[in-house]
Amino acid sequence: LERPSKAIRREKSEEAKIQLNLNQQKLVDTELRNAQLRRENLLMEKQILELKLLYWKEKNRL
């Protein structure tokens, strides 16, 4: 039989590992969401630039 303090220490260590894994998963999820938002932002910027280009082409054509 192990001493109670050793069992408590091991239990706390397991809880810490679980918490660390949860935090790492949250970080990965957040980074993924951030990357998706950056991608959406870049696509919108691309659309804006394409529209500006069309505008200037049309303006210079007149």
PDB file of N, CA and C in Angstrom:
ATOM      1  N   LEU A   1       0.839  -1.196   0.000  1.00  0.00           N
ATOM      2  CA  LEU A   1       0.000   0.000   0.000  1.00  0.00           C
ATOM      3  C   LEU A   1       0.873   1.244   0.000  1.00  0.00           C
ATOM      4  N   GLU A   2       0.541   2.193  -0.882  1.00  0.00           N
ATOM      5  CA  GLU A   2       1.342   3.412  -0.912  1.00  0.00           C
ATOM      6  C   GLU A   2       0.797   4.434   0.081  1.00  0.00           C
ATOM      7  N   ARG A   3       1.652   5.350   0.424  1.00  0.00           N
ATOM      8  CA  ARG A   3       1.245   6.392   1.369  1.00  0.00           C
ATOM      9  C   ARG A   3       0.228   7.315   0.700  1.00  0.00           C
ATOM     10  N   PRO A   4      -0.718   7.843   1.482  1.00  0.00           N
ATOM     11  CA  PRO A   4      -1.748   8.733   0.917  1.00  0.00           C
ATOM     12  C   PRO A   4      -1.158   9.948   0.202  1.00  0.00           C
ATOM     13  N   SER A   5      -0.076  10.501   0.746  1.00  0.00           N
ATOM     14  CA  SER A   5       0.503  11.702   0.135  1.00  0.00           C
ATOM     15  C   SER A   5       1.020  11.400  -1.273  1.00  0.00           C
ATOM     16  N   LYS A   6       1.550  10.187  -1.453  1.00  0.00           N
ATOM     17  CA  LYS A   6       2.057   9.797  -2.767  1.00  0.00           C
ATOM     18  C   LYS A   6       0.894   9.642  -3.758  1.00  0.00           C
ATOM     19  N   ALA A   7      -0.197   9.054  -3.298  1.00  0.00           N
ATOM     20  CA  ALA A   7      -1.380   8.877  -4.148  1.00  0.00           C
ATOM     21  C   ALA A   7      -1.974  10.233  -4.524  1.00  0.00           C
ATOM     22  N   ILE A   8      -2.011  11.143  -3.561  1.00  0.00           N
ATOM     23  CA  ILE A   8      -2.541  12.489  -3.820  1.00  0.00           C
ATOM     24  C   ILE A   8      -1.658  13.208  -4.833  1.00  0.00           C
ATOM     25  N   ARG A   9      -0.328  13.054  -4.660  1.00  0.00           N
ATOM     26  CA  ARG A   9       0.614  13.686  -5.588  1.00  0.00           C
ATOM     27  C   ARG A   9       0.407  13.162  -7.008  1.00  0.00           C
ATOM     28  N   ARG A  10       0.237  11.842  -7.128  1.00  0.00           N
ATOM     29  CA  ARG A  10       0.043  11.246  -8.448  1.00  0.00           C
ATOM     30  C   ARG A  10      -1.275  11.730  -9.059  1.00  0.00           C
ATOM     31  N   GLU A  11      -2.315  11.825  -8.237  1.00  0.00           N
ATOM     32  CA  GLU A  11      -3.610  12.298  -8.715  1.00  0.00           C
ATOM     33  C   GLU A  11      -3.508  13.751  -9.200  1.00  0.00           C
ATOM     34  N   LYS A  12      -2.797  14.577  -8.446  1.00  0.00           N
ATOM     35  CA  LYS A  12      -2.615  15.978  -8.850  1.00  0.00           C
ATOM     36  C   LYS A  12      -1.807  16.058 -10.140  1.00  0.00           C
ATOM     37  N   SER A  13      -0.830  15.172 -10.261  1.00  0.00           N
ATOM     38  CA  SER A  13      -0.015  15.140 -11.474  1.00  0.00           C
ATOM     39  C   SER A  13      -0.876  14.768 -12.685  1.00  0.00           C
ATOM     40  N   GLU A  14      -1.759  13.797 -12.504  1.00  0.00           N
ATOM     41  CA  GLU A  14      -2.668  13.393 -13.589  1.00  0.00           C
ATOM     42  C   GLU A  14      -3.611  14.534 -13.951  1.00  0.00           C
ATOM     43  N   GLU A  15      -4.137  15.219 -12.927  1.00  0.00           N
ATOM     44  CA  GLU A  15      -5.030  16.357 -13.172  1.00  0.00           C
ATOM     45  C   GLU A  15      -4.294  17.457 -13.930  1.00  0.00           C
ATOM     46  N   ALA A  16      -3.042  17.679 -13.563  1.00  0.00           N
ATOM     47  CA  ALA A  16      -2.240  18.709 -14.234  1.00  0.00           C
ATOM     48  C   ALA A  16      -2.018  18.334 -15.700  1.00  0.00           C
ATOM     49  N   LYS A  17      -1.758  17.049 -15.965  1.00  0.00           N
ATOM     50  CA  LYS A  17      -1.570  16.595 -17.354  1.00  0.00           C
ATOM     51  C   LYS A  17      -2.846  16.783 -18.166  1.00  0.00           C
ATOM     52  N   ILE A  18      -3.977  16.444 -17.559  1.00  0.00           N
ATOM     53  CA  ILE A  18      -5.266  16.601 -18.247  1.00  0.00           C
ATOM     54  C   ILE A  18      -5.518  18.077 -18.541  1.00  0.00           C
ATOM     55  N   GLN A  19      -5.262  18.936 -17.549  1.00  0.00           N
ATOM     56  CA  GLN A  19      -5.464  20.376 -17.736  1.00  0.00           C
ATOM     57  C   GLN A  19      -4.543  20.917 -18.826  1.00  0.00           C
ATOM     58  N   LEU A  20      -3.299  20.441 -18.826  1.00  0.00           N
ATOM     59  CA  LEU A  20      -2.342  20.868 -19.849  1.00  0.00           C
ATOM     60  C   LEU A  20      -2.836  20.464 -21.238  1.00  0.00           C
ATOM     61  N   ASN A  21      -3.319  19.221 -21.360  1.00  0.00           N
ATOM     62  CA  ASN A  21      -3.848  18.754 -22.644  1.00  0.00           C
ATOM     63  C   ASN A  21      -5.040  19.592 -23.094  1.00  0.00           C
ATOM     64  N   LEU A  22      -5.933  19.924 -22.148  1.00  0.00           N
ATOM     65  CA  LEU A  22      -7.090  20.756 -22.481  1.00  0.00           C
ATOM     66  C   LEU A  22      -6.647  22.138 -22.942  1.00  0.00           C
ATOM     67  N   ASN A  23      -5.680  22.707 -22.236  1.00  0.00           N
ATOM     68  CA  ASN A  23      -5.172  24.031 -22.606  1.00  0.00           C
ATOM     69  C   ASN A  23      -4.509  24.001 -23.977  1.00  0.00           C
ATOM     70  N   GLN A  24      -3.749  22.936 -24.243  1.00  0.00           N
ATOM     71  CA  GLN A  24      -3.100  22.811 -25.549  1.00  0.00           C
ATOM     72  C   GLN A  24      -4.143  22.675 -26.654  1.00  0.00           C
ATOM     73  N   GLN A  25      -5.209  21.925 -26.393  1.00  0.00           N
ATOM     74  CA  GLN A  25      -6.277  21.765 -27.385  1.00  0.00           C
ATOM     75  C   GLN A  25      -6.971  23.096 -27.640  1.00  0.00           C
ATOM     76  N   LYS A  26      -7.212  23.856 -26.556  1.00  0.00           N
ATOM     77  CA  LYS A  26      -7.829  25.182 -26.718  1.00  0.00           C
ATOM     78  C   LYS A  26      -6.934  26.082 -27.561  1.00  0.00           C
ATOM     79  N   LEU A  27      -5.638  26.003 -27.316  1.00  0.00           N
ATOM     80  CA  LEU A  27      -4.683  26.818 -28.074  1.00  0.00           C
ATOM     81  C   LEU A  27      -4.721  26.448 -29.558  1.00  0.00           C
ATOM     82  N   VAL A  28      -4.718  25.158 -29.847  1.00  0.00           N
ATOM     83  CA  VAL A  28      -4.774  24.697 -31.239  1.00  0.00           C
ATOM     84  C   VAL A  28      -6.079  25.156 -31.893  1.00  0.00           C
ATOM     85  N   ASP A  29      -7.189  25.012 -31.166  1.00  0.00           N
ATOM     86  CA  ASP A  29      -8.484  25.449 -31.703  1.00  0.00           C
ATOM     87  C   ASP A  29      -8.484  26.951 -31.987  1.00  0.00           C
ATOM     88  N   THR A  30      -7.905  27.718 -31.069  1.00  0.00           N
ATOM     89  CA  THR A  30      -7.842  29.172 -31.233  1.00  0.00           C
ATOM     90  C   THR A  30      -6.959  29.549 -32.412  1.00  0.00           C
ATOM     91  N   GLU A  31      -5.822  28.869 -32.548  1.00  0.00           N
ATOM     92  CA  GLU A  31      -4.927  29.148 -33.677  1.00  0.00           C
ATOM     93  C   GLU A  31      -5.594  28.799 -35.006  1.00  0.00           C
ATOM     94  N   LEU A  32      -6.342  27.714 -35.021  1.00  0.00           N
ATOM     95  CA  LEU A  32      -7.065  27.324 -36.237  1.00  0.00           C
ATOM     96  C   LEU A  32      -8.108  28.383 -36.599  1.00  0.00           C
ATOM     97  N   ARG A  33      -8.862  28.828 -35.616  1.00  0.00           N
ATOM     98  CA  ARG A  33      -9.883  29.861 -35.852  1.00  0.00           C
ATOM     99  C   ARG A  33      -9.225  31.156 -36.346  1.00  0.00           C
ATOM    100  N   ASN A  34      -8.105  31.494 -35.744  1.00  0.00           N
ATOM    101  CA  ASN A  34      -7.360  32.689 -36.141  1.00  0.00           C
ATOM    102  C   ASN A  34      -6.915  32.574 -37.603  1.00  0.00           C
ATOM    103  N   ALA A  35      -6.411  31.410 -37.980  1.00  0.00           N
ATOM    104  CA  ALA A  35      -5.967  31.192 -39.363  1.00  0.00           C
ATOM    105  C   ALA A  35      -7.153  31.300 -40.329  1.00  0.00           C
ATOM    106  N   GLN A  36      -8.303  30.766 -39.926  1.00  0.00           N
ATOM    107  CA  GLN A  36      -9.493  30.852 -40.779  1.00  0.00           C
ATOM    108  C   GLN A  36      -9.920  32.308 -40.966  1.00  0.00           C
ATOM    109  N   LEU A  37      -9.874  33.081 -39.878  1.00  0.00           N
ATOM    110  CA  LEU A  37     -10.247  34.497 -39.967  1.00  0.00           C
ATOM    111  C   LEU A  37      -9.258  35.282 -40.821  1.00  0.00           C
ATOM    112  N   ARG A  38      -7.968  34.968 -40.682  1.00  0.00           N
ATOM    113  CA  ARG A  38      -6.953  35.631 -41.517  1.00  0.00           C
ATOM    114  C   ARG A  38      -7.202  35.333 -42.991  1.00  0.00           C
ATOM    115  N   ARG A  39      -7.544  34.074 -43.283  1.00  0.00           N
ATOM    116  CA  ARG A  39      -7.825  33.673 -44.668  1.00  0.00           C
ATOM    117  C   ARG A  39      -9.028  34.444 -45.215  1.00  0.00           C
ATOM    118  N   GLU A  40     -10.109  34.511 -44.419  1.00  0.00           N
ATOM    119  CA  GLU A  40     -11.287  35.269 -44.841  1.00  0.00           C
ATOM    120  C   GLU A  40     -10.925  36.732 -45.089  1.00  0.00           C
ATOM    121  N   ASN A  41     -10.129  37.291 -44.204  1.00  0.00           N
ATOM    122  CA  ASN A  41      -9.709  38.683 -44.325  1.00  0.00           C
ATOM    123  C   ASN A  41      -8.920  38.903 -45.616  1.00  0.00           C
ATOM    124  N   LEU A  42      -8.003  37.994 -45.906  1.00  0.00           N
ATOM    125  CA  LEU A  42      -7.207  38.116 -47.130  1.00  0.00           C
ATOM    126  C   LEU A  42      -8.078  37.998 -48.378  1.00  0.00           C
ATOM    127  N   LEU A  43      -9.059  37.107 -48.342  1.00  0.00           N
ATOM    128  CA  LEU A  43      -9.965  36.971 -49.487  1.00  0.00           C
ATOM    129  C   LEU A  43     -10.768  38.253 -49.698  1.00  0.00           C
ATOM    130  N   MET A  44     -11.206  38.873 -48.589  1.00  0.00           N
ATOM    131  CA  MET A  44     -11.939  40.137 -48.706  1.00  0.00           C
ATOM    132  C   MET A  44     -11.036  41.239 -49.250  1.00  0.00           C
ATOM    133  N   GLU A  45      -9.815  41.293 -48.769  1.00  0.00           N
ATOM    134  CA  GLU A  45      -8.863  42.290 -49.275  1.00  0.00           C
ATOM    135  C   GLU A  45      -8.624  42.089 -50.770  1.00  0.00           C
ATOM    136  N   LYS A  46      -8.532  40.831 -51.186  1.00  0.00           N
ATOM    137  CA  LYS A  46      -8.345  40.515 -52.609  1.00  0.00           C
ATOM    138  C   LYS A  46      -9.529  41.028 -53.425  1.00  0.00           C
ATOM    139  N   GLN A  47     -10.739  40.796 -52.924  1.00  0.00           N
ATOM    140  CA  GLN A  47     -11.933  41.276 -53.630  1.00  0.00           C
ATOM    141  C   GLN A  47     -11.921  42.801 -53.744  1.00  0.00           C
ATOM    142  N   ILE A  48     -11.548  43.470 -52.661  1.00  0.00           N
ATOM    143  CA  ILE A  48     -11.485  44.939 -52.673  1.00  0.00           C
ATOM    144  C   ILE A  48     -10.482  45.416 -53.715  1.00  0.00           C
ATOM    145  N   LEU A  49      -9.306  44.789 -53.734  1.00  0.00           N
ATOM    146  CA  LEU A  49      -8.282  45.195 -54.707  1.00  0.00           C
ATOM    147  C   LEU A  49      -8.737  44.939 -56.142  1.00  0.00           C
ATOM    148  N   GLU A  50      -9.420  43.815 -56.354  1.00  0.00           N
ATOM    149  CA  GLU A  50      -9.934  43.517 -57.696  1.00  0.00           C
ATOM    150  C   GLU A  50     -10.971  44.555 -58.125  1.00  0.00           C
ATOM    151  N   LEU A  51     -11.837  44.960 -57.189  1.00  0.00           N
ATOM    152  CA  LEU A  51     -12.838  45.982 -57.507  1.00  0.00           C
ATOM    153  C   LEU A  51     -12.189  47.330 -57.785  1.00  0.00           C
ATOM    154  N   LYS A  52     -11.179  47.676 -57.009  1.00  0.00           N
ATOM    155  CA  LYS A  52     -10.456  48.934 -57.251  1.00  0.00           C
ATOM    156  C   LYS A  52      -9.797  48.913 -58.626  1.00  0.00           C
ATOM    157  N   LEU A  53      -9.221  47.773 -58.970  1.00  0.00           N
ATOM    158  CA  LEU A  53      -8.577  47.639 -60.275  1.00  0.00           C
ATOM    159  C   LEU A  53      -9.599  47.821 -61.395  1.00  0.00           C
ATOM    160  N   LEU A  54     -10.754  47.182 -61.251  1.00  0.00           N
ATOM    161  CA  LEU A  54     -11.815  47.348 -62.250  1.00  0.00           C
ATOM    162  C   LEU A  54     -12.236  48.810 -62.352  1.00  0.00           C
ATOM    163  N   TYR A  55     -12.370  49.458 -61.219  1.00  0.00           N
ATOM    164  CA  TYR A  55     -12.756  50.874 -61.193  1.00  0.00           C
ATOM    165  C   TYR A  55     -11.750  51.724 -61.965  1.00  0.00           C
ATOM    166  N   TRP A  56     -10.458  51.521 -61.676  1.00  0.00           N
ATOM    167  CA  TRP A  56      -9.433  52.340 -62.339  1.00  0.00           C
ATOM    168  C   TRP A  56      -9.335  52.028 -63.829  1.00  0.00           C
ATOM    169  N   LYS A  57      -9.510  50.772 -64.178  1.00  0.00           N
ATOM    170  CA  LYS A  57      -9.502  50.417 -65.606  1.00  0.00           C
ATOM    171  C   LYS A  57     -10.658  51.106 -66.321  1.00  0.00           C
ATOM    172  N   GLU A  58     -11.829  51.064 -65.689  1.00  0.00           N
ATOM    173  CA  GLU A  58     -13.016  51.686 -66.277  1.00  0.00           C
ATOM    174  C   GLU A  58     -12.847  53.205 -66.351  1.00  0.00           C
ATOM    175  N   LYS A  59     -12.314  53.787 -65.307  1.00  0.00           N
ATOM    176  CA  LYS A  59     -12.121  55.239 -65.257  1.00  0.00           C
ATOM    177  C   LYS A  59     -11.150  55.693 -66.351  1.00  0.00           C
ATOM    178  N   ASN A  60     -10.092  54.939 -66.551  1.00  0.00           N
ATOM    179  CA  ASN A  60      -9.090  55.307 -67.559  1.00  0.00           C
ATOM    180  C   ASN A  60      -9.585  55.051 -68.977  1.00  0.00           C
ATOM    181  N   ARG A  61     -10.560  54.177 -69.113  1.00  0.00           N
ATOM    182  CA  ARG A  61     -11.108  53.845 -70.426  1.00  0.00           C
ATOM    183  C   ARG A  61     -11.984  54.976 -70.949  1.00  0.00           C
ATOM    184  N   LEU A  62     -12.608  55.687 -70.033  1.00  0.00           N
ATOM    185  CA  LEU A  62     -13.546  56.752 -70.445  1.00  0.00           C
ATOM    186  C   LEU A  62     -12.837  57.977 -70.989  1.00  0.00           C
TER     187      LEU A  62
END
